Amino acid sequence: MVPALRYLVGACGRAREGFAGGFLGACGSASGRPRPLCGGGRSASTSSFDIVIVGGGIVGLASARALILRHPSLSIGVLEKEKDLAVHQTGHNSGVIHSGIYYKPESLKAKLCVQGAALLYEYCQQKGISYKQCGKLIVAVEQEEIPRLQALYERGLQNGIQGLRLIQQEDIKKKEPYCRGLMAIDCPHTGIVDYRQVALSFAQDFQEAGGSVLTNFEVKDIEMAKESPSRSIDGMQYPIVIKNTKGEEIRCQYVVTCAGLYSDRISELSGCTPDPRIVPFRGDYLLLKPEKCYLVKGNIYPVPDSRFPFLGVHFTPRMDGSIWLGPNAVLAFKREGYRPFDFSATDVMDIIINRGPAGVRAQALDRDGNLVEDFVFDAGVGNIGNRVLHVRNAPSPAATSSLAISGMIADEVQQRFEL
């Protein structure tokens, strides 16, 4: 097993190997039937794969890419419930390439973010994907914030972040002429990118290497086959059956789920514990008027308050030249609720049965109502548990860390499934 992984014990029964806290539109028609995108990989009539990845966001696509590049002789497929790829969390984020300064030293978030940022910059250069290494200032505006700022600077040094500086008022003004503060951390390696463009590039790499992407495939069930299908030349070589909401099915040997907002529900389909439960909070941004965008050159963040698990309202430049201000954190009444009045009774019921501290922007909660702060993976139960790996919690900085996460997933899949 990968170093620094620990056992995850839950309602799935006996302890299972899991890792938690130690790591744990693309092209194609919108016909409504599952099909490969862009003509890459196997044909739509092919219904069996060696490995299936459930979820076409940036983590799922990076993982699929890593697996097929490492195991080119295997048949690998990606299943995505939407008609296009990377349209949810990947397509609805600030676009910041994080440095890794905020995360607890030796945590997976810290390690994978620092590694992932370096890999992402290198990948974008190789692929000609536009990005801007515009830097970030974390600014103290009150005297009582300075000890927290200095502690954060020390944490960044522990995490191995290059180029960090503590700067005073004069240097703040040189970096950001319209920013005022007492002291700041200068993070020169923070940047911005269009993560959906990155994710679609991962998908293209995957397909060019022989992988298949099936969209309009909303997973409804994951189970072990009860018997070999009649006249099947595959026999029981592909013992896992994945069914969608239309009654269609895919067979495979192994499954990796990267279902984002639905990671808890997809994990439950294989008999796994519902914990950690995903609790969606919506973050809203404001836009600076175009004629005022000159006021901000790079990312400008406040000093984070340790009482809250989010970074505070900040200024974020975008690749299109706009400047975002935000986000707030409000409870979303639908997991894909990007508009204020989007509502789903099922998602609300999932939220209100969880107990959590007031005012916290929860991403995942364990059964005791505690915020899950690190990446979490686990498996199913029984026979299927030996063939399934679930990505249960991969919040920010998962996009920044995606290439590093995918390498770790590929390592775990190779060892767990003995590929």
Protein backbone atom coordinates (compact mmCIF):
# COMPACT_ATOMS: atom_id res chain seq x y z
CA MET A 1 0.00 0.00 0.00
CA VAL A 2 1.13 3.56 -0.64
CA PRO A 3 3.06 5.03 2.33
CA ALA A 4 1.13 7.28 4.72
CA LEU A 5 -2.18 5.54 4.06
CA ARG A 6 -4.25 4.43 7.03
CA TYR A 7 -7.16 2.12 7.61
CA LEU A 8 -10.70 3.43 7.30
CA VAL A 9 -13.17 1.66 9.57
CA GLY A 10 -16.86 2.23 9.08
CA ALA A 11 -20.29 0.73 8.68
CA CYS A 12 -19.09 -1.34 5.72
CA GLY A 13 -18.20 -4.06 8.23
CA ARG A 14 -14.67 -5.01 9.16
CA ALA A 15 -11.76 -2.66 8.60
CA ARG A 16 -11.00 -2.19 4.94
CA GLU A 17 -7.89 -0.83 3.36
CA GLY A 18 -8.66 2.78 2.70
CA PHE A 19 -6.85 6.01 2.76
CA ALA A 20 -8.14 9.01 4.56
CA GLY A 21 -6.18 11.95 5.78
CA GLY A 22 -2.96 10.17 5.27
CA PHE A 23 -4.26 10.26 1.33
CA LEU A 24 -6.61 9.51 1.55
CA GLY A 25 -17.83 19.19 -23.22
CA ALA A 26 -16.04 17.54 -24.96
CA CYS A 27 -17.17 16.75 -28.46
CA GLY A 28 -19.91 14.34 -29.39
CA SER A 29 -23.62 14.36 -29.97
CA ALA A 30 -26.25 14.93 -27.33
CA SER A 31 -28.33 11.98 -28.42
CA GLY A 32 -28.94 10.73 -24.90
CA ARG A 33 -27.23 7.36 -25.49
CA PRO A 34 -23.86 6.55 -23.97
CA ARG A 35 -21.13 6.82 -26.54
CA PRO A 36 -17.41 7.53 -26.86
CA LEU A 37 -16.39 11.13 -27.48
CA CYS A 38 -14.28 12.35 -30.38
CA GLY A 39 -13.99 8.91 -31.90
CA GLY A 40 -11.25 7.77 -29.54
CA GLY A 41 -11.06 4.42 -27.82
CA ARG A 42 -13.45 1.53 -28.26
CA SER A 43 -16.76 1.60 -30.08
CA ALA A 44 -20.04 2.34 -28.34
CA SER A 45 -21.08 -1.28 -28.82
CA THR A 46 -18.23 -2.44 -26.60
CA SER A 47 -19.66 -3.11 -23.15
CA SER A 48 -16.69 -4.58 -21.25
CA PHE A 49 -13.54 -2.99 -19.89
CA ASP A 50 -10.67 -3.96 -17.65
CA ILE A 51 -11.06 -0.76 -15.60
CA VAL A 52 -13.93 1.74 -15.49
CA ILE A 53 -13.63 5.21 -13.98
CA VAL A 54 -16.95 6.67 -12.86
CA GLY A 55 -16.89 10.47 -13.17
CA GLY A 56 -15.68 12.75 -15.93
CA GLY A 57 -14.33 15.62 -13.85
CA ILE A 58 -10.70 16.64 -13.60
CA VAL A 59 -9.74 13.99 -11.02
CA GLY A 60 -11.47 11.17 -12.91
CA LEU A 61 -9.98 12.20 -16.24
CA ALA A 62 -6.49 12.68 -14.80
CA SER A 63 -6.74 9.24 -13.20
CA ALA A 64 -7.95 7.63 -16.43
CA ARG A 65 -5.07 9.26 -18.29
CA ALA A 66 -2.51 8.09 -15.72
CA LEU A 67 -3.84 4.53 -15.76
CA ILE A 68 -3.87 4.10 -19.53
CA LEU A 69 -0.43 5.64 -19.95
CA ARG A 70 0.88 3.22 -17.35
CA HIS A 71 -1.11 0.21 -18.62
CA PRO A 72 -1.60 0.70 -22.39
CA SER A 73 -2.63 -2.92 -22.94
CA LEU A 74 -5.69 -2.59 -20.69
CA SER A 75 -9.11 -1.50 -21.89
CA ILE A 76 -10.18 1.48 -19.80
CA GLY A 77 -13.42 3.46 -19.93
CA VAL A 78 -14.75 6.64 -18.31
CA LEU A 79 -18.46 6.98 -17.52
CA GLU A 80 -19.98 10.47 -17.20
CA LYS A 81 -23.62 11.19 -16.46
CA GLU A 82 -23.73 14.50 -18.36
CA LYS A 83 -23.54 14.91 -22.12
CA ASP A 84 -20.26 16.80 -21.72
CA LEU A 85 -17.22 16.41 -19.51
CA ALA A 86 -16.04 18.56 -16.60
CA VAL A 87 -19.20 20.63 -16.26
CA HIS A 88 -19.66 20.62 -12.49
CA GLN A 89 -16.96 21.28 -9.88
CA THR A 90 -14.24 21.35 -12.53
CA GLY A 91 -16.18 23.89 -14.56
CA HIS A 92 -17.36 25.95 -11.58
CA ASN A 93 -14.30 27.03 -9.65
CA SER A 94 -12.05 30.05 -9.28
CA GLY A 95 -9.33 28.68 -11.56
CA VAL A 96 -6.56 29.28 -9.02
CA ILE A 97 -3.40 27.15 -9.16
CA HIS A 98 -2.74 26.91 -5.43
CA SER A 99 0.74 26.89 -3.92
CA GLY A 100 -0.06 24.62 -0.95
CA ILE A 101 0.62 27.13 1.81
CA TYR A 102 -2.59 26.59 3.79
CA TYR A 103 -2.50 22.86 4.42
CA LYS A 104 -1.23 21.01 7.47
CA PRO A 105 2.40 19.94 7.01
CA GLU A 106 2.77 16.28 6.01
CA SER A 107 -0.91 16.07 5.04
CA LEU A 108 -1.78 14.74 1.63
CA LYS A 109 -3.29 18.08 0.68
CA ALA A 110 0.04 19.79 1.37
CA LYS A 111 2.19 17.20 -0.40
CA LEU A 112 -0.04 16.68 -3.41
CA CYS A 113 -0.79 20.37 -3.91
CA VAL A 114 2.90 21.33 -4.03
CA GLN A 115 3.68 18.40 -6.36
CA GLY A 116 0.53 18.93 -8.41
CA ALA A 117 1.12 22.62 -9.02
CA ALA A 118 4.59 21.92 -10.44
CA LEU A 119 3.23 19.11 -12.62
CA LEU A 120 0.34 21.27 -13.80
CA TYR A 121 2.58 24.15 -14.89
CA GLU A 122 4.78 21.69 -16.77
CA TYR A 123 1.77 20.04 -18.42
CA CYS A 124 0.29 23.36 -19.53
CA GLN A 125 3.60 24.35 -21.08
CA GLN A 126 3.86 21.05 -22.94
CA LYS A 127 0.29 21.24 -24.24
CA GLY A 128 0.22 24.96 -25.02
CA ILE A 129 -2.57 25.60 -22.49
CA SER A 130 -2.69 29.23 -21.45
CA TYR A 131 -2.04 30.05 -17.80
CA LYS A 132 -0.78 33.00 -15.80
CA GLN A 133 1.62 32.71 -12.90
CA CYS A 134 0.33 35.96 -11.47
CA GLY A 135 1.17 35.29 -7.84
CA LYS A 136 -0.78 35.94 -4.68
CA LEU A 137 -0.60 38.25 -1.70
CA ILE A 138 -2.05 37.15 1.65
CA VAL A 139 -2.54 40.48 3.38
CA ALA A 140 -2.83 41.37 7.06
CA VAL A 141 -4.82 44.56 7.55
CA GLU A 142 -5.09 44.45 11.35
CA GLN A 143 -2.31 44.16 13.91
CA GLU A 144 -3.87 41.05 15.48
CA GLU A 145 -3.63 39.23 12.12
CA ILE A 146 0.15 39.48 11.95
CA PRO A 147 0.94 36.50 14.27
CA ARG A 148 -1.40 34.32 12.16
CA LEU A 149 0.26 35.58 9.00
CA GLN A 150 3.72 34.76 10.33
CA ALA A 151 2.58 31.29 11.39
CA LEU A 152 1.15 30.73 7.92
CA TYR A 153 4.48 31.79 6.39
CA GLU A 154 6.28 29.21 8.56
CA ARG A 155 3.78 26.57 7.47
CA GLY A 156 4.47 27.39 3.83
CA LEU A 157 8.20 26.95 4.41
CA GLN A 158 7.52 23.57 6.08
CA ASN A 159 5.48 22.53 3.04
CA GLY A 160 8.41 23.28 0.75
CA ILE A 161 6.87 26.16 -1.17
CA GLN A 162 9.49 28.04 -3.11
CA GLY A 163 9.89 31.81 -3.30
CA LEU A 164 7.76 32.77 -0.27
CA ARG A 165 8.49 36.20 1.22
CA LEU A 166 7.14 38.23 4.10
CA ILE A 167 6.82 41.78 2.82
CA GLN A 168 6.00 45.13 4.40
CA GLN A 169 3.70 47.96 3.34
CA GLU A 170 6.09 49.44 0.76
CA ASP A 171 6.54 46.13 -1.08
CA ILE A 172 2.81 45.40 -0.92
CA LYS A 173 2.24 48.63 -2.81
CA LYS A 174 4.89 47.70 -5.39
CA LYS A 175 3.18 44.36 -6.07
CA GLU A 176 -0.40 45.67 -5.86
CA PRO A 177 -0.51 49.47 -6.14
CA TYR A 178 -4.13 49.70 -4.93
CA CYS A 179 -3.80 47.24 -2.04
CA ARG A 180 -3.22 48.46 1.50
CA GLY A 181 -2.01 46.32 4.38
CA LEU A 182 0.42 46.11 7.28
CA MET A 183 2.25 42.98 6.15
CA ALA A 184 1.74 40.25 3.53
CA ILE A 185 3.00 36.90 2.31
CA ASP A 186 4.10 37.04 -1.31
CA CYS A 187 3.40 33.68 -3.04
CA PRO A 188 4.92 34.08 -6.50
CA HIS A 189 4.09 30.55 -7.70
CA THR A 190 0.31 30.90 -7.36
CA GLY A 191 -1.37 31.14 -10.76
CA ILE A 192 -4.61 30.86 -12.70
CA VAL A 193 -5.81 28.56 -15.47
CA ASP A 194 -9.03 27.33 -17.08
CA TYR A 195 -9.42 23.95 -15.39
CA ARG A 196 -12.07 22.73 -17.78
CA GLN A 197 -9.61 23.23 -20.64
CA VAL A 198 -7.05 21.23 -18.67
CA ALA A 199 -9.57 18.46 -17.98
CA LEU A 200 -10.57 18.21 -21.65
CA SER A 201 -6.89 17.96 -22.55
CA PHE A 202 -6.59 15.04 -20.11
CA ALA A 203 -9.57 13.44 -21.88
CA GLN A 204 -7.91 13.91 -25.26
CA ASP A 205 -4.69 12.30 -24.01
CA PHE A 206 -6.72 9.41 -22.62
CA GLN A 207 -8.59 8.81 -25.84
CA GLU A 208 -5.54 9.15 -28.03
CA ALA A 209 -3.94 6.42 -25.91
CA GLY A 210 -6.91 4.14 -26.63
CA GLY A 211 -9.33 4.94 -23.82
CA SER A 212 -13.09 5.32 -24.18
CA VAL A 213 -15.37 8.00 -22.76
CA LEU A 214 -19.08 7.27 -22.47
CA THR A 215 -21.30 10.24 -21.66
CA ASN A 216 -25.02 10.28 -20.81
CA PHE A 217 -24.30 7.31 -18.57
CA GLU A 218 -25.70 8.04 -15.10
CA VAL A 219 -24.70 5.19 -12.82
CA LYS A 220 -27.56 3.63 -10.90
CA ASP A 221 -26.03 0.43 -9.57
CA ILE A 222 -22.67 -1.30 -9.12
CA GLU A 223 -22.83 -5.01 -8.34
CA MET A 224 -21.15 -8.34 -8.87
CA ALA A 225 -22.55 -10.35 -11.78
CA LYS A 226 -24.76 -13.17 -10.60
CA GLU A 227 -23.90 -15.41 -13.54
CA SER A 228 -22.09 -15.32 -16.83
CA PRO A 229 -24.18 -13.75 -19.61
CA SER A 230 -25.37 -16.22 -22.21
CA ARG A 231 -23.13 -16.62 -25.25
CA SER A 232 -20.59 -14.24 -23.71
CA ILE A 233 -17.07 -14.92 -24.85
CA ASP A 234 -15.89 -12.91 -21.83
CA GLY A 235 -17.36 -15.43 -19.39
CA MET A 236 -16.71 -14.16 -15.88
CA GLN A 237 -13.61 -12.19 -16.89
CA TYR A 238 -15.64 -9.02 -16.26
CA PRO A 239 -17.53 -9.78 -13.03
CA ILE A 240 -18.67 -6.26 -12.12
CA VAL A 241 -21.87 -4.91 -13.65
CA ILE A 242 -22.46 -1.14 -13.74
CA LYS A 243 -26.02 -0.20 -14.67
CA ASN A 244 -27.30 3.21 -15.67
CA THR A 245 -30.67 4.87 -15.24
CA LYS A 246 -31.76 3.76 -18.73
CA GLY A 247 -31.26 0.08 -17.96
CA GLU A 248 -28.05 -0.20 -19.97
CA GLU A 249 -25.00 -1.82 -18.45
CA ILE A 250 -21.24 -1.97 -18.67
CA ARG A 251 -19.14 -4.89 -17.41
CA CYS A 252 -15.63 -4.59 -16.06
CA GLN A 253 -12.98 -6.13 -13.83
CA TYR A 254 -12.27 -3.11 -11.62
CA VAL A 255 -13.88 0.24 -10.81
CA VAL A 256 -12.49 3.58 -9.64
CA THR A 257 -15.13 6.15 -8.69
CA CYS A 258 -14.40 9.89 -8.85
CA ALA A 259 -17.95 11.17 -8.55
CA GLY A 260 -17.37 14.54 -6.87
CA LEU A 261 -20.65 15.92 -5.55
CA TYR A 262 -22.14 12.40 -5.63
CA SER A 263 -19.16 10.50 -4.24
CA ASP A 264 -21.04 9.35 -1.13
CA ARG A 265 -24.04 8.08 -3.09
CA ILE A 266 -21.96 6.27 -5.71
CA SER A 267 -19.85 4.71 -2.96
CA GLU A 268 -22.97 3.43 -1.23
CA LEU A 269 -23.95 1.57 -4.38
CA SER A 270 -21.16 -0.92 -3.69
CA GLY A 271 -22.32 -1.38 -0.10
CA CYS A 272 -19.92 1.10 1.43
CA THR A 273 -20.68 3.35 4.38
CA PRO A 274 -22.36 6.68 3.57
CA ASP A 275 -19.69 8.47 5.60
CA PRO A 276 -18.20 10.89 4.91
CA ARG A 277 -21.40 12.49 3.68
CA ILE A 278 -21.14 15.27 1.10
CA VAL A 279 -22.80 18.52 2.21
CA PRO A 280 -22.91 21.07 -0.63
CA PHE A 281 -22.30 24.75 0.04
CA ARG A 282 -22.59 27.27 -2.77
CA GLY A 283 -20.03 30.05 -3.12
CA ASP A 284 -21.16 33.20 -4.93
CA TYR A 285 -18.82 35.70 -6.54
CA LEU A 286 -19.14 39.34 -7.57
CA LEU A 287 -17.52 40.74 -10.70
CA LEU A 288 -15.51 43.93 -10.77
CA LYS A 289 -16.65 46.35 -13.45
CA PRO A 290 -14.42 45.99 -16.53
CA GLU A 291 -13.19 49.56 -16.18
CA LYS A 292 -12.03 48.76 -12.61
CA CYS A 293 -10.10 45.56 -13.33
CA TYR A 294 -6.83 47.52 -13.42
CA LEU A 295 -7.09 47.75 -9.63
CA VAL A 296 -6.03 44.10 -9.19
CA LYS A 297 -2.96 42.46 -10.74
CA GLY A 298 -2.83 39.08 -8.99
CA ASN A 299 -4.68 37.09 -6.36
CA ILE A 300 -5.27 39.05 -3.15
CA TYR A 301 -6.37 37.02 -0.11
CA PRO A 302 -7.05 37.88 3.53
CA VAL A 303 -5.31 36.13 6.41
CA PRO A 304 -7.40 32.99 7.02
CA ASP A 305 -9.21 32.62 10.32
CA SER A 306 -8.59 29.18 11.82
CA ARG A 307 -12.14 29.14 13.23
CA PHE A 308 -13.49 28.69 9.70
CA PRO A 309 -12.51 26.07 7.10
CA PHE A 310 -12.44 28.45 4.15
CA LEU A 311 -10.02 31.12 3.01
CA GLY A 312 -12.20 34.21 3.15
CA VAL A 313 -13.42 36.60 0.47
CA HIS A 314 -10.64 37.36 -2.00
CA PHE A 315 -9.86 38.96 -5.36
CA THR A 316 -9.16 36.47 -8.14
CA PRO A 317 -8.12 37.39 -11.69
CA ARG A 318 -9.48 35.17 -14.46
CA MET A 319 -8.00 34.04 -17.72
CA ASP A 320 -10.53 36.15 -19.62
CA GLY A 321 -9.28 39.31 -17.87
CA SER A 322 -12.19 39.66 -15.47
CA ILE A 323 -11.75 39.94 -11.69
CA TRP A 324 -13.87 37.90 -9.29
CA LEU A 325 -14.56 38.93 -5.71
CA GLY A 326 -15.74 36.21 -3.35
CA PRO A 327 -16.86 33.64 -2.54
CA ASN A 328 -19.41 33.63 0.22
CA ALA A 329 -20.56 30.26 1.56
CA VAL A 330 -24.27 29.46 1.59
CA LEU A 331 -25.98 26.13 2.01
CA ALA A 332 -26.98 24.78 -1.39
CA PHE A 333 -30.34 23.01 -1.50
CA LYS A 334 -29.25 21.02 -4.54
CA ARG A 335 -25.91 19.37 -5.22
CA GLU A 336 -25.68 20.99 -8.61
CA GLY A 337 -27.48 24.12 -7.45
CA TYR A 338 -25.60 26.94 -9.12
CA ARG A 339 -28.60 29.31 -8.97
CA PRO A 340 -29.90 30.72 -5.66
CA PHE A 341 -33.28 28.98 -5.78
CA ASP A 342 -32.24 25.57 -7.16
CA PHE A 343 -33.81 22.97 -4.87
CA SER A 344 -33.77 19.19 -4.50
CA ALA A 345 -35.69 17.52 -1.66
CA THR A 346 -33.37 14.50 -1.77
CA ASP A 347 -30.26 16.65 -1.42
CA VAL A 348 -31.85 18.68 1.41
CA MET A 349 -32.59 15.47 3.34
CA ASP A 350 -28.97 14.43 2.94
CA ILE A 351 -27.91 17.77 4.41
CA ILE A 352 -30.16 18.07 7.43
CA ILE A 353 -29.30 14.65 8.86
CA ASN A 354 -25.70 15.79 9.34
CA ARG A 355 -24.60 17.72 12.39
CA GLY A 356 -21.93 20.36 11.91
CA PRO A 357 -20.61 23.59 13.44
CA ALA A 358 -22.57 26.69 12.52
CA GLY A 359 -21.04 28.97 9.91
CA VAL A 360 -18.74 26.30 8.45
CA ARG A 361 -18.52 25.80 4.72
CA ALA A 362 -18.73 22.00 4.89
CA GLN A 363 -17.47 19.87 2.02
CA ALA A 364 -17.62 16.46 3.66
CA LEU A 365 -18.75 15.48 7.16
CA ASP A 366 -18.05 12.26 9.01
CA ARG A 367 -20.73 10.46 11.02
CA ASP A 368 -20.02 12.61 14.09
CA GLY A 369 -20.50 15.85 12.18
CA ASN A 370 -16.79 16.64 12.00
CA LEU A 371 -15.42 18.35 8.93
CA VAL A 372 -13.23 16.03 6.85
CA GLU A 373 -10.19 18.09 5.95
CA ASP A 374 -8.09 15.73 3.83
CA PHE A 375 -8.55 13.53 0.79
CA VAL A 376 -10.44 10.31 1.55
CA PHE A 377 -10.53 7.01 -0.35
CA ASP A 378 -12.05 3.68 0.56
CA ALA A 379 -13.41 0.43 -0.89
CA GLY A 380 -16.63 -1.54 -0.95
CA VAL A 381 -17.40 -4.73 0.95
CA GLY A 382 -17.17 -8.43 0.25
CA ASN A 383 -16.07 -9.61 -3.17
CA ILE A 384 -16.76 -6.25 -4.73
CA GLY A 385 -14.58 -4.54 -2.15
CA ASN A 386 -11.51 -6.13 -3.70
CA ARG A 387 -12.38 -4.62 -7.06
CA VAL A 388 -13.54 -1.08 -6.28
CA LEU A 389 -11.68 2.05 -5.18
CA HIS A 390 -13.73 5.12 -4.22
CA VAL A 391 -12.50 8.72 -4.16
CA ARG A 392 -14.72 9.96 -1.33
CA ASN A 393 -13.47 13.46 -0.61
CA ALA A 394 -11.36 15.51 -3.02
CA PRO A 395 -12.19 19.19 -2.46
CA SER A 396 -9.92 22.12 -3.22
CA PRO A 397 -7.02 21.92 -4.02
CA ALA A 398 -7.96 18.79 -5.99
CA ALA A 399 -7.83 20.58 -9.36
CA THR A 400 -4.35 21.93 -8.66
CA SER A 401 -3.33 18.51 -7.32
CA SER A 402 -5.02 16.43 -10.04
CA LEU A 403 -1.88 15.14 -11.74
CA ALA A 404 -0.27 14.24 -8.41
CA ILE A 405 -3.51 12.64 -7.17
CA SER A 406 -3.80 10.64 -10.38
CA GLY A 407 -0.31 9.24 -9.93
CA MET A 408 -1.17 8.17 -6.41
CA ILE A 409 -4.43 6.59 -7.56
CA ALA A 410 -2.58 4.73 -10.32
CA ASP A 411 -0.11 3.42 -7.72
CA GLU A 412 -2.91 2.28 -5.44
CA VAL A 413 -4.88 0.66 -8.27
CA GLN A 414 -1.80 -1.19 -9.47
CA GLN A 415 -1.07 -2.54 -6.01
CA ARG A 416 -4.63 -3.15 -4.85
CA PHE A 417 -5.76 -4.86 -8.05
CA GLU A 418 -2.38 -6.52 -8.73
CA LEU A 419 -2.22 -5.23 -12.31
